[in-house]
Amino acid sequence: MIRDLKPGQKITEFFMVRSKELRSKKNDNGFYLALELGDASGRIFGSLWDNVEETYKQIKEGEPAKIRAIVIDWKGRPHLSIERARPAKVSDKLNLDDFIPKANENEEKLLEQFYEIVKSVRNEHLSLLLKNVFMNEDIKSQIKKTPAGKLWHHCYEGGLIVHTLAVTKVVENLCKLYPKLNRDLAVAGALLHDIGKITEYETKGYIDYSDEGRLHGHIAIGFHYVASKIEDIDDFPPDLKNQLLHLILAHQGSREHGSPVEPMTREAFVLYYADEIDSKLNAFERVYEREHEEGRKWSNFVKLLNRFFYFGSNDTEKREKKKNYVLK
């Protein structure tokens, strides 16, 4: 598995080809092949320097390839110095589903919790809307399989329901702390805020954007989907409609981060910060799992957040320090 690779290892493994690119060599007019490869545990980059153009034509993005390589250290990260690459064959008997990262949680338990919250909404219009959306068998089957991200947070099969549940539970608890919040509105917004991701992402050996997802984005997709469902309900209050749709549009906080409007209601502020808490902590955990090891206190620089993550001292180090300071 990619997460277990260490510099110095020689490997022959199957990986999913996420992307391929011919790049110019610095010292002559030739090319080398840059590959982004993946499996269920993560992704890694590799470079092939021989038989480049023929290999480029043979292997396909979204299909597995057999890779023979040496793992090297490149700027503090494992990198594959590829000796040979070929497309997978039918005789290799691969299961493409094995390359997709998946949630560790039991999906049936997640669904049970999710639908308990759906049923807890008492406002008759919001309750009917949620039932019309989530009792749809197609939506029900997709929500437990859809990722919540491509690379950053909850980027695995089932990530959407894990993320949505966590955000909704944070919102529920904040509603108990701040009684002026409209609990049913805030919870409905939390349940629906990422519904567009069902259409935004697709899995094809790895997680990627669908054409509609790349062109429109999940906020626009979700907004139009929920708006159309509201239109099917007689006498849905216009102000309630506006506030609910605002929650979907504003949940990423600013135009810079993809929201066409900024939060302008109590419930929108709560949803935005709940979404931030869960997405950032999940991303932190992914960095921790990937990079933390004995004696290491800091992550590599995380470009998306423009900072390092502090892992802290591990138990072994704490015990050793304690020994050194014992008075005799």
C-alpha atoms as a PDB file:
ATOM      1  CA  MET A   1       0.000   0.000   0.000  1.00  0.00           C
ATOM      2  CA  ILE A   2       1.181   3.517  -0.774  1.00  0.00           C
ATOM      3  CA  ARG A   3       0.960   4.660   2.844  1.00  0.00           C
ATOM      4  CA  ASP A   4       3.519   1.990   3.814  1.00  0.00           C
ATOM      5  CA  LEU A   5       6.157   2.851   1.187  1.00  0.00           C
ATOM      6  CA  LYS A   6       9.568   3.934   2.483  1.00  0.00           C
ATOM      7  CA  PRO A   7      12.631   5.236   0.614  1.00  0.00           C
ATOM      8  CA  GLY A   8      14.949   2.417  -0.402  1.00  0.00           C
ATOM      9  CA  GLN A   9      12.248  -0.146  -1.115  1.00  0.00           C
ATOM     10  CA  LYS A  10      12.105  -1.964  -4.453  1.00  0.00           C
ATOM     11  CA  ILE A  11       8.510  -2.699  -5.433  1.00  0.00           C
ATOM     12  CA  THR A  12       6.422  -4.325  -8.143  1.00  0.00           C
ATOM     13  CA  GLU A  13       2.806  -3.369  -7.539  1.00  0.00           C
ATOM     14  CA  PHE A  14      -0.440  -2.461  -9.278  1.00  0.00           C
ATOM     15  CA  PHE A  15      -1.584   1.149  -8.960  1.00  0.00           C
ATOM     16  CA  MET A  16      -4.406   3.171 -10.470  1.00  0.00           C
ATOM     17  CA  VAL A  17      -3.173   5.738 -12.991  1.00  0.00           C
ATOM     18  CA  ARG A  18      -4.666   9.042 -11.844  1.00  0.00           C
ATOM     19  CA  SER A  19      -2.819  11.212 -14.361  1.00  0.00           C
ATOM     20  CA  LYS A  20       0.049  11.025 -16.859  1.00  0.00           C
ATOM     21  CA  GLU A  21       2.099  13.760 -18.486  1.00  0.00           C
ATOM     22  CA  LEU A  22       5.100  13.957 -20.798  1.00  0.00           C
ATOM     23  CA  ARG A  23       7.501  16.571 -19.441  1.00  0.00           C
ATOM     24  CA  SER A  24      10.658  18.016 -20.943  1.00  0.00           C
ATOM     25  CA  LYS A  25      13.973  16.960 -19.453  1.00  0.00           C
ATOM     26  CA  LYS A  26      16.082  19.822 -18.140  1.00  0.00           C
ATOM     27  CA  ASN A  27      19.368  18.709 -19.684  1.00  0.00           C
ATOM     28  CA  ASP A  28      18.340  17.719 -23.240  1.00  0.00           C
ATOM     29  CA  ASN A  29      15.463  17.783 -25.698  1.00  0.00           C
ATOM     30  CA  GLY A  30      13.941  14.502 -24.564  1.00  0.00           C
ATOM     31  CA  PHE A  31      10.964  13.756 -22.342  1.00  0.00           C
ATOM     32  CA  TYR A  32      10.238  11.867 -19.154  1.00  0.00           C
ATOM     33  CA  LEU A  33       6.886  10.491 -18.036  1.00  0.00           C
ATOM     34  CA  ALA A  34       5.387  11.942 -14.867  1.00  0.00           C
ATOM     35  CA  LEU A  35       2.712   9.764 -13.278  1.00  0.00           C
ATOM     36  CA  GLU A  36       0.283  10.282 -10.421  1.00  0.00           C
ATOM     37  CA  LEU A  37      -0.631   6.869  -9.035  1.00  0.00           C
ATOM     38  CA  GLY A  38      -3.094   5.773  -6.400  1.00  0.00           C
ATOM     39  CA  ASP A  39      -4.507   2.922  -4.357  1.00  0.00           C
ATOM     40  CA  ALA A  40      -6.993   2.641  -1.500  1.00  0.00           C
ATOM     41  CA  SER A  41      -4.474   4.117   0.954  1.00  0.00           C
ATOM     42  CA  GLY A  42      -3.462   7.263  -0.932  1.00  0.00           C
ATOM     43  CA  ARG A  43      -1.512   8.578  -3.902  1.00  0.00           C
ATOM     44  CA  ILE A  44       2.103   8.936  -4.951  1.00  0.00           C
ATOM     45  CA  PHE A  45       4.006  10.541  -7.818  1.00  0.00           C
ATOM     46  CA  GLY A  46       6.525   8.761  -9.994  1.00  0.00           C
ATOM     47  CA  SER A  47       8.887   9.389 -12.908  1.00  0.00           C
ATOM     48  CA  LEU A  48       9.821   7.103 -15.796  1.00  0.00           C
ATOM     49  CA  TRP A  49      12.916   7.995 -17.843  1.00  0.00           C
ATOM     50  CA  ASP A  50      13.219   5.116 -20.345  1.00  0.00           C
ATOM     51  CA  ASN A  51      10.834   3.854 -23.036  1.00  0.00           C
ATOM     52  CA  VAL A  52       8.816   6.958 -22.274  1.00  0.00           C
ATOM     53  CA  GLU A  53       6.640   7.655 -25.317  1.00  0.00           C
ATOM     54  CA  GLU A  54       5.613   4.038 -25.874  1.00  0.00           C
ATOM     55  CA  THR A  55       4.642   3.660 -22.207  1.00  0.00           C
ATOM     56  CA  TYR A  56       2.709   6.933 -22.371  1.00  0.00           C
ATOM     57  CA  LYS A  57       0.609   5.543 -25.235  1.00  0.00           C
ATOM     58  CA  GLN A  58       0.019   2.192 -23.545  1.00  0.00           C
ATOM     59  CA  ILE A  59      -1.162   3.164 -20.070  1.00  0.00           C
ATOM     60  CA  LYS A  60      -4.458   4.989 -19.606  1.00  0.00           C
ATOM     61  CA  GLU A  61      -5.757   7.389 -16.992  1.00  0.00           C
ATOM     62  CA  GLY A  62      -8.439   5.760 -14.867  1.00  0.00           C
ATOM     63  CA  GLU A  63      -7.012   2.287 -15.462  1.00  0.00           C
ATOM     64  CA  PRO A  64      -4.553   0.240 -13.362  1.00  0.00           C
ATOM     65  CA  ALA A  65      -0.935  -0.338 -14.334  1.00  0.00           C
ATOM     66  CA  LYS A  66       1.775  -2.646 -13.082  1.00  0.00           C
ATOM     67  CA  ILE A  67       4.714  -0.611 -11.815  1.00  0.00           C
ATOM     68  CA  ARG A  68       8.264  -1.724 -11.059  1.00  0.00           C
ATOM     69  CA  ALA A  69      10.121   0.994  -9.183  1.00  0.00           C
ATOM     70  CA  ILE A  70      12.478   2.069  -6.435  1.00  0.00           C
ATOM     71  CA  VAL A  71      11.050   4.289  -3.709  1.00  0.00           C
ATOM     72  CA  ILE A  72      13.177   7.400  -3.237  1.00  0.00           C
ATOM     73  CA  ASP A  73      12.980  10.490  -1.087  1.00  0.00           C
ATOM     74  CA  TRP A  74      12.000  13.583  -3.068  1.00  0.00           C
ATOM     75  CA  LYS A  75      11.797  16.804  -1.075  1.00  0.00           C
ATOM     76  CA  GLY A  76      10.847  14.933   2.077  1.00  0.00           C
ATOM     77  CA  ARG A  77       8.220  12.692   0.485  1.00  0.00           C
ATOM     78  CA  PRO A  78       8.309   9.174  -1.002  1.00  0.00           C
ATOM     79  CA  HIS A  79       8.545   9.203  -4.800  1.00  0.00           C
ATOM     80  CA  LEU A  80       8.741   6.362  -7.325  1.00  0.00           C
ATOM     81  CA  SER A  81      11.724   6.130  -9.629  1.00  0.00           C
ATOM     82  CA  ILE A  82       9.979   3.890 -12.151  1.00  0.00           C
ATOM     83  CA  GLU A  83      11.948   1.300 -14.064  1.00  0.00           C
ATOM     84  CA  ARG A  84       9.046  -0.192 -15.975  1.00  0.00           C
ATOM     85  CA  ALA A  85       5.282   0.303 -16.360  1.00  0.00           C
ATOM     86  CA  ARG A  86       2.651  -1.618 -18.290  1.00  0.00           C
ATOM     87  CA  PRO A  87      -1.151  -1.607 -18.400  1.00  0.00           C
ATOM     88  CA  ALA A  88      -2.954  -4.222 -16.326  1.00  0.00           C
ATOM     89  CA  LYS A  89      -4.233  -7.291 -18.161  1.00  0.00           C
ATOM     90  CA  VAL A  90      -7.435  -9.274 -17.758  1.00  0.00           C
ATOM     91  CA  SER A  91      -5.274 -12.181 -16.595  1.00  0.00           C
ATOM     92  CA  ASP A  92      -4.106 -10.047 -13.642  1.00  0.00           C
ATOM     93  CA  LYS A  93      -7.656 -10.469 -12.238  1.00  0.00           C
ATOM     94  CA  LEU A  94      -7.833  -7.089 -10.524  1.00  0.00           C
ATOM     95  CA  ASN A  95     -10.925  -5.729  -8.790  1.00  0.00           C
ATOM     96  CA  LEU A  96     -11.094  -2.004  -9.579  1.00  0.00           C
ATOM     97  CA  ASP A  97     -13.167  -1.394  -6.450  1.00  0.00           C
ATOM     98  CA  ASP A  98     -10.120  -2.364  -4.366  1.00  0.00           C
ATOM     99  CA  PHE A  99      -8.353   0.823  -5.467  1.00  0.00           C
ATOM    100  CA  ILE A 100     -11.024   3.137  -4.008  1.00  0.00           C
ATOM    101  CA  PRO A 101     -10.478   4.418  -0.430  1.00  0.00           C
ATOM    102  CA  LYS A 102     -13.451   3.678   1.821  1.00  0.00           C
ATOM    103  CA  ALA A 103     -14.873   4.838   5.132  1.00  0.00           C
ATOM    104  CA  ASN A 104     -13.903   2.827   8.207  1.00  0.00           C
ATOM    105  CA  GLU A 105     -17.369   3.262   9.718  1.00  0.00           C
ATOM    106  CA  ASN A 106     -20.243   0.817   9.228  1.00  0.00           C
ATOM    107  CA  GLU A 107     -22.371   2.319   6.463  1.00  0.00           C
ATOM    108  CA  GLU A 108     -25.638   0.817   7.734  1.00  0.00           C
ATOM    109  CA  LYS A 109     -25.126   2.370  11.179  1.00  0.00           C
ATOM    110  CA  LEU A 110     -24.309   5.686   9.537  1.00  0.00           C
ATOM    111  CA  LEU A 111     -27.501   5.512   7.486  1.00  0.00           C
ATOM    112  CA  GLU A 112     -29.535   4.671  10.576  1.00  0.00           C
ATOM    113  CA  GLN A 113     -28.183   7.721  12.434  1.00  0.00           C
ATOM    114  CA  PHE A 114     -28.687   9.905   9.378  1.00  0.00           C
ATOM    115  CA  TYR A 115     -32.358   8.992   8.954  1.00  0.00           C
ATOM    116  CA  GLU A 116     -33.045   9.379  12.673  1.00  0.00           C
ATOM    117  CA  ILE A 117     -32.008  13.015  12.328  1.00  0.00           C
ATOM    118  CA  VAL A 118     -34.072  13.424   9.151  1.00  0.00           C
ATOM    119  CA  LYS A 119     -37.141  12.184  11.057  1.00  0.00           C
ATOM    120  CA  SER A 120     -36.435  14.521  13.986  1.00  0.00           C
ATOM    121  CA  VAL A 121     -37.252  17.673  11.973  1.00  0.00           C
ATOM    122  CA  ARG A 122     -40.752  18.764  13.024  1.00  0.00           C
ATOM    123  CA  ASN A 123     -41.420  21.735  10.757  1.00  0.00           C
ATOM    124  CA  GLU A 124     -43.970  20.273   8.336  1.00  0.00           C
ATOM    125  CA  HIS A 125     -42.523  21.891   5.196  1.00  0.00           C
ATOM    126  CA  LEU A 126     -38.888  21.088   5.987  1.00  0.00           C
ATOM    127  CA  SER A 127     -39.830  17.570   7.082  1.00  0.00           C
ATOM    128  CA  LEU A 128     -41.658  16.898   3.811  1.00  0.00           C
ATOM    129  CA  LEU A 129     -38.760  18.323   1.800  1.00  0.00           C
ATOM    130  CA  LEU A 130     -36.215  16.127   3.590  1.00  0.00           C
ATOM    131  CA  LYS A 131     -38.360  13.034   3.101  1.00  0.00           C
ATOM    132  CA  ASN A 132     -38.843  13.825  -0.588  1.00  0.00           C
ATOM    133  CA  VAL A 133     -35.076  14.141  -0.998  1.00  0.00           C
ATOM    134  CA  PHE A 134     -33.687  11.403   1.231  1.00  0.00           C
ATOM    135  CA  MET A 135     -36.393   8.760   0.933  1.00  0.00           C
ATOM    136  CA  ASN A 136     -35.634   8.623  -2.779  1.00  0.00           C
ATOM    137  CA  GLU A 137     -34.010   5.197  -3.278  1.00  0.00           C
ATOM    138  CA  ASP A 138     -31.473   6.533  -5.766  1.00  0.00           C
ATOM    139  CA  ILE A 139     -30.343   9.267  -3.351  1.00  0.00           C
ATOM    140  CA  LYS A 140     -30.306   6.787  -0.457  1.00  0.00           C
ATOM    141  CA  SER A 141     -27.963   4.431  -2.297  1.00  0.00           C
ATOM    142  CA  GLN A 142     -25.681   7.229  -3.467  1.00  0.00           C
ATOM    143  CA  ILE A 143     -25.334   9.135  -0.212  1.00  0.00           C
ATOM    144  CA  LYS A 144     -23.591   6.200   1.481  1.00  0.00           C
ATOM    145  CA  LYS A 145     -21.102   5.789  -1.388  1.00  0.00           C
ATOM    146  CA  THR A 146     -20.294   9.377  -2.383  1.00  0.00           C
ATOM    147  CA  PRO A 147     -17.033  11.005  -1.193  1.00  0.00           C
ATOM    148  CA  ALA A 148     -17.086  14.485   0.329  1.00  0.00           C
ATOM    149  CA  GLY A 149     -13.881  15.567  -1.410  1.00  0.00           C
ATOM    150  CA  LYS A 150     -11.375  14.630  -4.076  1.00  0.00           C
ATOM    151  CA  LEU A 151      -8.115  15.162  -2.165  1.00  0.00           C
ATOM    152  CA  TRP A 152      -8.655  17.376   0.886  1.00  0.00           C
ATOM    153  CA  HIS A 153     -11.240  16.118   3.387  1.00  0.00           C
ATOM    154  CA  HIS A 154     -13.366  12.952   3.628  1.00  0.00           C
ATOM    155  CA  CYS A 155     -11.963  11.932   0.237  1.00  0.00           C
ATOM    156  CA  TYR A 156     -13.100   8.327   0.325  1.00  0.00           C
ATOM    157  CA  GLU A 157     -16.189   6.311  -0.543  1.00  0.00           C
ATOM    158  CA  GLY A 158     -18.799   7.079   2.114  1.00  0.00           C
ATOM    159  CA  GLY A 159     -17.104  10.335   3.064  1.00  0.00           C
ATOM    160  CA  LEU A 160     -20.221  12.385   2.343  1.00  0.00           C
ATOM    161  CA  ILE A 161     -22.421  10.710   4.929  1.00  0.00           C
ATOM    162  CA  VAL A 162     -19.607  10.723   7.522  1.00  0.00           C
ATOM    163  CA  HIS A 163     -19.043  14.460   6.963  1.00  0.00           C
ATOM    164  CA  THR A 164     -22.743  15.368   6.784  1.00  0.00           C
ATOM    165  CA  LEU A 165     -23.506  13.505  10.000  1.00  0.00           C
ATOM    166  CA  ALA A 166     -20.645  15.180  11.860  1.00  0.00           C
ATOM    167  CA  VAL A 167     -21.616  18.660  10.653  1.00  0.00           C
ATOM    168  CA  THR A 168     -25.272  18.068  11.548  1.00  0.00           C
ATOM    169  CA  LYS A 169     -24.380  16.859  15.056  1.00  0.00           C
ATOM    170  CA  VAL A 170     -22.238  19.963  15.645  1.00  0.00           C
ATOM    171  CA  VAL A 171     -25.149  22.123  14.459  1.00  0.00           C
ATOM    172  CA  GLU A 172     -27.593  20.263  16.727  1.00  0.00           C
ATOM    173  CA  ASN A 173     -25.412  20.842  19.776  1.00  0.00           C
ATOM    174  CA  LEU A 174     -24.943  24.523  18.994  1.00  0.00           C
ATOM    175  CA  CYS A 175     -28.712  24.884  18.714  1.00  0.00           C
ATOM    176  CA  LYS A 176     -28.991  23.598  22.294  1.00  0.00           C
ATOM    177  CA  LEU A 177     -26.408  26.138  23.427  1.00  0.00           C
ATOM    178  CA  TYR A 178     -27.989  29.046  21.500  1.00  0.00           C
ATOM    179  CA  PRO A 179     -31.799  28.769  21.781  1.00  0.00           C
ATOM    180  CA  LYS A 180     -32.481  31.670  19.390  1.00  0.00           C
ATOM    181  CA  LEU A 181     -31.326  29.465  16.530  1.00  0.00           C
ATOM    182  CA  ASN A 182     -34.067  27.874  14.430  1.00  0.00           C
ATOM    183  CA  ARG A 183     -33.144  24.251  15.099  1.00  0.00           C
ATOM    184  CA  ASP A 184     -35.172  22.661  12.288  1.00  0.00           C
ATOM    185  CA  LEU A 185     -33.901  25.148   9.712  1.00  0.00           C
ATOM    186  CA  ALA A 186     -30.265  24.762  10.815  1.00  0.00           C
ATOM    187  CA  VAL A 187     -30.461  20.954  10.853  1.00  0.00           C
ATOM    188  CA  ALA A 188     -32.194  20.812   7.464  1.00  0.00           C
ATOM    189  CA  GLY A 189     -29.480  23.064   6.039  1.00  0.00           C
ATOM    190  CA  ALA A 190     -26.759  20.833   7.509  1.00  0.00           C
ATOM    191  CA  LEU A 191     -28.342  17.697   6.053  1.00  0.00           C
ATOM    192  CA  LEU A 192     -28.672  19.300   2.613  1.00  0.00           C
ATOM    193  CA  HIS A 193     -25.605  21.538   2.402  1.00  0.00           C
ATOM    194  CA  ASP A 194     -23.451  19.109   0.372  1.00  0.00           C
ATOM    195  CA  ILE A 195     -26.190  17.241  -1.507  1.00  0.00           C
ATOM    196  CA  GLY A 196     -24.702  18.507  -4.780  1.00  0.00           C
ATOM    197  CA  LYS A 197     -21.618  16.343  -4.206  1.00  0.00           C
ATOM    198  CA  ILE A 198     -23.640  13.298  -5.241  1.00  0.00           C
ATOM    199  CA  THR A 199     -23.468  14.721  -8.760  1.00  0.00           C
ATOM    200  CA  GLU A 200     -20.152  16.576  -8.428  1.00  0.00           C
ATOM    201  CA  TYR A 201     -17.979  13.481  -7.927  1.00  0.00           C
ATOM    202  CA  GLU A 202     -17.568  10.185  -9.709  1.00  0.00           C
ATOM    203  CA  THR A 203     -15.367   7.174  -9.040  1.00  0.00           C
ATOM    204  CA  LYS A 204     -13.511   5.622 -11.945  1.00  0.00           C
ATOM    205  CA  GLY A 205     -10.766   3.741 -10.194  1.00  0.00           C
ATOM    206  CA  TYR A 206     -10.165   6.936  -8.222  1.00  0.00           C
ATOM    207  CA  ILE A 207     -12.222   9.918  -7.089  1.00  0.00           C
ATOM    208  CA  ASP A 208     -12.573  12.700  -9.640  1.00  0.00           C
ATOM    209  CA  TYR A 209     -14.974  15.425 -10.726  1.00  0.00           C
ATOM    210  CA  SER A 210     -17.789  14.594 -13.097  1.00  0.00           C
ATOM    211  CA  ASP A 211     -18.201  16.891 -16.102  1.00  0.00           C
ATOM    212  CA  GLU A 212     -21.160  18.591 -14.404  1.00  0.00           C
ATOM    213  CA  GLY A 213     -19.249  18.808 -11.152  1.00  0.00           C
ATOM    214  CA  ARG A 214     -16.273  20.522 -12.733  1.00  0.00           C
ATOM    215  CA  LEU A 215     -18.456  22.881 -14.776  1.00  0.00           C
ATOM    216  CA  HIS A 216     -20.986  23.835 -12.084  1.00  0.00           C
ATOM    217  CA  GLY A 217     -19.659  22.859  -8.640  1.00  0.00           C
ATOM    218  CA  HIS A 218     -21.591  21.226  -5.821  1.00  0.00           C
ATOM    219  CA  ILE A 219     -23.026  24.447  -4.393  1.00  0.00           C
ATOM    220  CA  ALA A 220     -24.781  25.413  -7.632  1.00  0.00           C
ATOM    221  CA  ILE A 221     -25.874  21.811  -8.226  1.00  0.00           C
ATOM    222  CA  GLY A 222     -27.242  21.497  -4.689  1.00  0.00           C
ATOM    223  CA  PHE A 223     -28.979  24.879  -4.825  1.00  0.00           C
ATOM    224  CA  HIS A 224     -30.867  24.037  -8.028  1.00  0.00           C
ATOM    225  CA  TYR A 225     -31.715  20.520  -6.866  1.00  0.00           C
ATOM    226  CA  VAL A 226     -33.175  21.645  -3.531  1.00  0.00           C
ATOM    227  CA  ALA A 227     -34.954  24.612  -5.145  1.00  0.00           C
ATOM    228  CA  SER A 228     -36.658  22.256  -7.610  1.00  0.00           C
ATOM    229  CA  LYS A 229     -37.746  19.968  -4.768  1.00  0.00           C
ATOM    230  CA  ILE A 230     -39.212  22.929  -2.890  1.00  0.00           C
ATOM    231  CA  GLU A 231     -41.242  23.869  -5.974  1.00  0.00           C
ATOM    232  CA  ASP A 232     -42.944  20.464  -5.775  1.00  0.00           C
ATOM    233  CA  ILE A 233     -44.329  21.263  -2.309  1.00  0.00           C
ATOM    234  CA  ASP A 234     -47.536  23.285  -2.111  1.00  0.00           C
ATOM    235  CA  ASP A 235     -47.492  26.453  -0.010  1.00  0.00           C
ATOM    236  CA  PHE A 236     -43.840  26.194   1.010  1.00  0.00           C
ATOM    237  CA  PRO A 237     -43.240  29.523   2.826  1.00  0.00           C
ATOM    238  CA  PRO A 238     -41.167  31.885   0.625  1.00  0.00           C
ATOM    239  CA  ASP A 239     -39.089  33.200   3.523  1.00  0.00           C
ATOM    240  CA  LEU A 240     -38.282  29.674   4.716  1.00  0.00           C
ATOM    241  CA  LYS A 241     -37.266  28.787   1.168  1.00  0.00           C
ATOM    242  CA  ASN A 242     -34.958  31.805   0.943  1.00  0.00           C
ATOM    243  CA  GLN A 243     -33.303  31.073   4.273  1.00  0.00           C
ATOM    244  CA  LEU A 244     -32.777  27.371   3.522  1.00  0.00           C
ATOM    245  CA  LEU A 245     -31.288  28.045   0.090  1.00  0.00           C
ATOM    246  CA  HIS A 246     -29.071  30.712   1.668  1.00  0.00           C
ATOM    247  CA  LEU A 247     -27.612  28.020   3.938  1.00  0.00           C
ATOM    248  CA  ILE A 248     -26.568  25.972   0.915  1.00  0.00           C
ATOM    249  CA  LEU A 249     -25.156  28.976  -0.935  1.00  0.00           C
ATOM    250  CA  ALA A 250     -23.237  30.409   2.037  1.00  0.00           C
ATOM    251  CA  HIS A 251     -21.870  27.288   3.733  1.00  0.00           C
ATOM    252  CA  GLN A 252     -18.289  27.783   2.456  1.00  0.00           C
ATOM    253  CA  GLY A 253     -18.169  31.256   3.937  1.00  0.00           C
ATOM    254  CA  SER A 254     -16.922  33.534   1.158  1.00  0.00           C
ATOM    255  CA  ARG A 255     -16.619  34.004  -2.585  1.00  0.00           C
ATOM    256  CA  GLU A 256     -12.916  33.254  -2.265  1.00  0.00           C
ATOM    257  CA  HIS A 257     -13.788  29.769  -1.003  1.00  0.00           C
ATOM    258  CA  GLY A 258     -16.570  29.056  -3.487  1.00  0.00           C
ATOM    259  CA  SER A 259     -19.718  30.497  -1.914  1.00  0.00           C
ATOM    260  CA  PRO A 260     -21.554  33.070  -4.052  1.00  0.00           C
ATOM    261  CA  VAL A 261     -22.765  34.805  -0.870  1.00  0.00           C
ATOM    262  CA  GLU A 262     -21.442  35.126   2.666  1.00  0.00           C
ATOM    263  CA  PRO A 263     -23.401  33.921   5.744  1.00  0.00           C
ATOM    264  CA  MET A 264     -26.049  36.465   6.694  1.00  0.00           C
ATOM    265  CA  THR A 265     -28.238  34.594   9.213  1.00  0.00           C
ATOM    266  CA  ARG A 266     -27.561  32.954  12.579  1.00  0.00           C
ATOM    267  CA  GLU A 267     -28.100  29.520  11.092  1.00  0.00           C
ATOM    268  CA  ALA A 268     -25.766  30.249   8.164  1.00  0.00           C
ATOM    269  CA  PHE A 269     -22.952  31.265  10.543  1.00  0.00           C
ATOM    270  CA  VAL A 270     -23.444  28.085  12.546  1.00  0.00           C
ATOM    271  CA  LEU A 271     -23.436  25.865   9.453  1.00  0.00           C
ATOM    272  CA  TYR A 272     -20.343  27.541   8.012  1.00  0.00           C
ATOM    273  CA  TYR A 273     -18.303  27.079  11.186  1.00  0.00           C
ATOM    274  CA  ALA A 274     -19.558  23.519  11.734  1.00  0.00           C
ATOM    275  CA  ASP A 275     -18.500  22.672   8.179  1.00  0.00           C
ATOM    276  CA  GLU A 276     -15.103  24.287   8.767  1.00  0.00           C
ATOM    277  CA  ILE A 277     -14.546  22.379  12.006  1.00  0.00           C
ATOM    278  CA  ASP A 278     -15.267  18.981  10.525  1.00  0.00           C
ATOM    279  CA  SER A 279     -13.488  19.460   7.197  1.00  0.00           C
ATOM    280  CA  LYS A 280     -10.327  20.917   8.763  1.00  0.00           C
ATOM    281  CA  LEU A 281     -10.086  18.316  11.533  1.00  0.00           C
ATOM    282  CA  ASN A 282     -10.569  15.499   9.034  1.00  0.00           C
ATOM    283  CA  ALA A 283      -7.822  16.973   6.862  1.00  0.00           C
ATOM    284  CA  PHE A 284      -5.589  17.230   9.957  1.00  0.00           C
ATOM    285  CA  GLU A 285      -6.183  13.544  10.692  1.00  0.00           C
ATOM    286  CA  ARG A 286      -5.279  12.581   7.123  1.00  0.00           C
ATOM    287  CA  VAL A 287      -2.010  14.506   7.369  1.00  0.00           C
ATOM    288  CA  TYR A 288      -1.317  12.921  10.766  1.00  0.00           C
ATOM    289  CA  GLU A 289      -1.928   9.381   9.490  1.00  0.00           C
ATOM    290  CA  ARG A 290       0.242   9.993   6.443  1.00  0.00           C
ATOM    291  CA  GLU A 291       3.188  11.760   8.058  1.00  0.00           C
ATOM    292  CA  HIS A 292       3.358  11.072  11.777  1.00  0.00           C
ATOM    293  CA  GLU A 293       6.045   8.696  12.993  1.00  0.00           C
ATOM    294  CA  GLU A 294       8.112   8.101  16.117  1.00  0.00           C
ATOM    295  CA  GLY A 295       9.910  11.255  17.168  1.00  0.00           C
ATOM    296  CA  ARG A 296       8.241  13.529  14.606  1.00  0.00           C
ATOM    297  CA  LYS A 297       6.418  16.562  16.016  1.00  0.00           C
ATOM    298  CA  TRP A 298       5.591  18.592  12.887  1.00  0.00           C
ATOM    299  CA  SER A 299       3.972  17.913   9.526  1.00  0.00           C
ATOM    300  CA  ASN A 300       5.319  19.039   6.194  1.00  0.00           C
ATOM    301  CA  PHE A 301       4.070  22.465   5.130  1.00  0.00           C
ATOM    302  CA  VAL A 302       0.360  22.248   4.243  1.00  0.00           C
ATOM    303  CA  LYS A 303      -0.054  24.591   1.278  1.00  0.00           C
ATOM    304  CA  LEU A 304      -3.848  24.705   1.322  1.00  0.00           C
ATOM    305  CA  LEU A 305      -3.869  26.121   4.855  1.00  0.00           C
ATOM    306  CA  ASN A 306      -0.513  27.907   4.598  1.00  0.00           C
ATOM    307  CA  ARG A 307       0.861  26.382   7.799  1.00  0.00           C
ATOM    308  CA  PHE A 308       2.502  23.399   9.484  1.00  0.00           C
ATOM    309  CA  PHE A 309       0.526  21.045  11.766  1.00  0.00           C
ATOM    310  CA  TYR A 310       1.899  20.302  15.223  1.00  0.00           C
ATOM    311  CA  PHE A 311       1.587  16.639  16.207  1.00  0.00           C
ATOM    312  CA  GLY A 312       2.946  17.065  19.723  1.00  0.00           C
ATOM    313  CA  SER A 313       5.258  14.802  21.689  1.00  0.00           C
ATOM    314  CA  ASN A 314       4.473  11.099  21.617  1.00  0.00           C
ATOM    315  CA  ASP A 315       4.149   8.941  24.734  1.00  0.00           C
ATOM    316  CA  THR A 316       7.588   7.380  24.359  1.00  0.00           C
ATOM    317  CA  GLU A 317       9.278  10.785  24.324  1.00  0.00           C
ATOM    318  CA  LYS A 318       7.219  11.900  27.307  1.00  0.00           C
ATOM    319  CA  ARG A 319       8.254   8.839  29.305  1.00  0.00           C
ATOM    320  CA  GLU A 320      11.932   9.363  28.437  1.00  0.00           C
ATOM    321  CA  LYS A 321      11.799  13.011  29.466  1.00  0.00           C
ATOM    322  CA  LYS A 322      10.093  12.070  32.706  1.00  0.00           C
ATOM    323  CA  LYS A 323      12.917   9.625  33.513  1.00  0.00           C
ATOM    324  CA  ASN A 324      15.548  12.315  32.901  1.00  0.00           C
ATOM    325  CA  TYR A 325      13.959  14.689  35.388  1.00  0.00           C
ATOM    326  CA  VAL A 326      13.371  12.281  38.258  1.00  0.00           C
ATOM    327  CA  LEU A 327      15.205  13.495  41.356  1.00  0.00           C
ATOM    328  CA  LYS A 328      17.363  10.907  43.079  1.00  0.00           C
END
